[in-house]
Amino acid sequence: MSSKENVAINQLLALLETRYALRVLWALKDGHPQTFRLLQDSVGGITPNTLNTRLKALREANLIGHGDKGYNLTAGGADLLKRLSDLQAFAAKWTASQARKK
């Protein structure tokens, strides 16, 4: 992997590693716009200030947008979640394996 590719991945991971960023994106994955209040409920446990901060960062990164009906994924955000969709299957297998260890 080139250093340019490393920089791009590091920048994306830095954004996604911020608290609740992935959860905000995941809450929008069904493609239906959500108001601020509905998004706050969907994410769960996020303060209004933190949600505002995440929304601003994700909008600046062009992963989400805001329209008349609320917040929604952009084409880039939808593409990212499509690429991360294998996480759901992995998570199910992983939690099952963790439960067997106990």
Protein backbone atom coordinates (compact mmCIF):
# COMPACT_ATOMS: atom_id res chain seq x y z
CA MET A 1 0.00 0.00 0.00
CA SER A 2 1.36 3.39 -0.96
CA SER A 3 1.84 6.18 1.54
CA LYS A 4 -0.92 8.13 -0.24
CA GLU A 5 -3.32 5.22 0.32
CA ASN A 6 -2.23 5.01 3.96
CA VAL A 7 -2.99 8.69 4.46
CA ALA A 8 -6.48 8.27 2.97
CA ILE A 9 -7.27 5.25 5.14
CA ASN A 10 -5.89 6.95 8.25
CA GLN A 11 -8.04 10.02 7.60
CA LEU A 12 -11.18 7.91 7.14
CA LEU A 13 -10.47 5.80 10.21
CA ALA A 14 -9.80 8.90 12.30
CA LEU A 15 -13.25 10.20 11.36
CA LEU A 16 -14.99 6.87 11.94
CA GLU A 17 -13.21 6.30 15.26
CA THR A 18 -14.74 9.41 16.79
CA ARG A 19 -17.37 8.52 19.34
CA TYR A 20 -20.76 7.69 17.80
CA ALA A 21 -19.72 8.47 14.20
CA LEU A 22 -20.32 4.94 12.95
CA ARG A 23 -23.51 4.67 14.97
CA VAL A 24 -24.87 7.82 13.34
CA LEU A 25 -24.07 6.44 9.90
CA TRP A 26 -25.52 3.03 10.80
CA ALA A 27 -28.74 4.65 12.03
CA LEU A 28 -29.21 6.13 8.55
CA LYS A 29 -28.46 2.93 6.63
CA ASP A 30 -32.09 2.15 5.79
CA GLY A 31 -32.16 5.16 3.48
CA HIS A 32 -34.95 7.02 5.27
CA PRO A 33 -34.18 10.59 6.37
CA GLN A 34 -34.25 11.19 10.12
CA THR A 35 -34.84 14.37 12.06
CA PHE A 36 -32.33 15.40 14.70
CA ARG A 37 -34.55 14.07 17.51
CA LEU A 38 -35.26 10.76 15.76
CA LEU A 39 -31.57 10.33 14.97
CA GLN A 40 -30.68 11.02 18.61
CA ASP A 41 -33.15 8.30 19.67
CA SER A 42 -31.85 5.90 16.99
CA VAL A 43 -28.25 6.30 18.11
CA GLY A 44 -29.11 6.13 21.81
CA GLY A 45 -27.11 7.70 24.62
CA ILE A 46 -25.72 10.54 22.53
CA THR A 47 -26.00 14.08 23.86
CA PRO A 48 -27.35 16.83 21.59
CA ASN A 49 -23.96 18.56 21.61
CA THR A 50 -22.11 15.39 20.57
CA LEU A 51 -24.68 14.63 17.89
CA ASN A 52 -24.32 18.16 16.49
CA THR A 53 -20.54 17.73 16.40
CA ARG A 54 -20.77 14.34 14.64
CA LEU A 55 -23.32 15.59 12.14
CA LYS A 56 -21.12 18.54 11.27
CA ALA A 57 -18.04 16.34 10.77
CA LEU A 58 -19.95 13.76 8.71
CA ARG A 59 -21.51 16.49 6.57
CA GLU A 60 -18.09 18.07 6.00
CA ALA A 61 -16.82 14.64 4.95
CA ASN A 62 -19.77 14.39 2.52
CA LEU A 63 -21.01 11.17 4.11
CA ILE A 64 -24.37 12.58 5.18
CA GLY A 65 -26.55 15.40 4.00
CA HIS A 66 -29.53 17.33 5.31
CA GLY A 67 -32.74 17.95 3.42
CA ASP A 68 -36.33 18.96 4.08
CA LYS A 69 -37.14 15.64 5.78
CA GLY A 70 -33.97 15.37 7.87
CA TYR A 71 -30.53 13.80 7.73
CA ASN A 72 -29.69 11.14 5.18
CA LEU A 73 -26.73 9.33 3.69
CA THR A 74 -25.05 10.78 0.63
CA ALA A 75 -23.98 8.47 -2.19
CA GLY A 76 -20.55 8.32 -0.54
CA GLY A 77 -22.04 7.43 2.84
CA ALA A 78 -24.20 4.72 1.29
CA ASP A 79 -21.15 3.33 -0.52
CA LEU A 80 -19.17 3.26 2.72
CA LEU A 81 -21.93 1.40 4.57
CA LYS A 82 -22.29 -1.04 1.68
CA ARG A 83 -18.60 -1.83 1.99
CA LEU A 84 -18.96 -2.23 5.76
CA SER A 85 -22.07 -4.43 5.51
CA ASP A 86 -20.03 -7.59 6.04
CA LEU A 87 -19.49 -6.38 9.60
CA GLN A 88 -23.04 -7.39 10.49
CA ALA A 89 -22.46 -11.03 9.52
CA PHE A 90 -19.04 -11.02 11.19
CA ALA A 91 -20.49 -9.50 14.38
CA ALA A 92 -23.14 -12.22 14.63
CA LYS A 93 -20.53 -14.97 14.28
CA TRP A 94 -18.15 -13.23 16.65
CA THR A 95 -20.72 -12.74 19.42
CA ALA A 96 -21.77 -16.39 19.10
CA SER A 97 -18.16 -17.50 19.46
CA GLN A 98 -17.70 -15.21 22.48
CA ALA A 99 -20.80 -16.66 24.13
CA ARG A 100 -19.45 -20.19 23.66
CA LYS A 101 -16.25 -19.24 25.49
CA LYS A 102 -18.19 -18.42 28.67
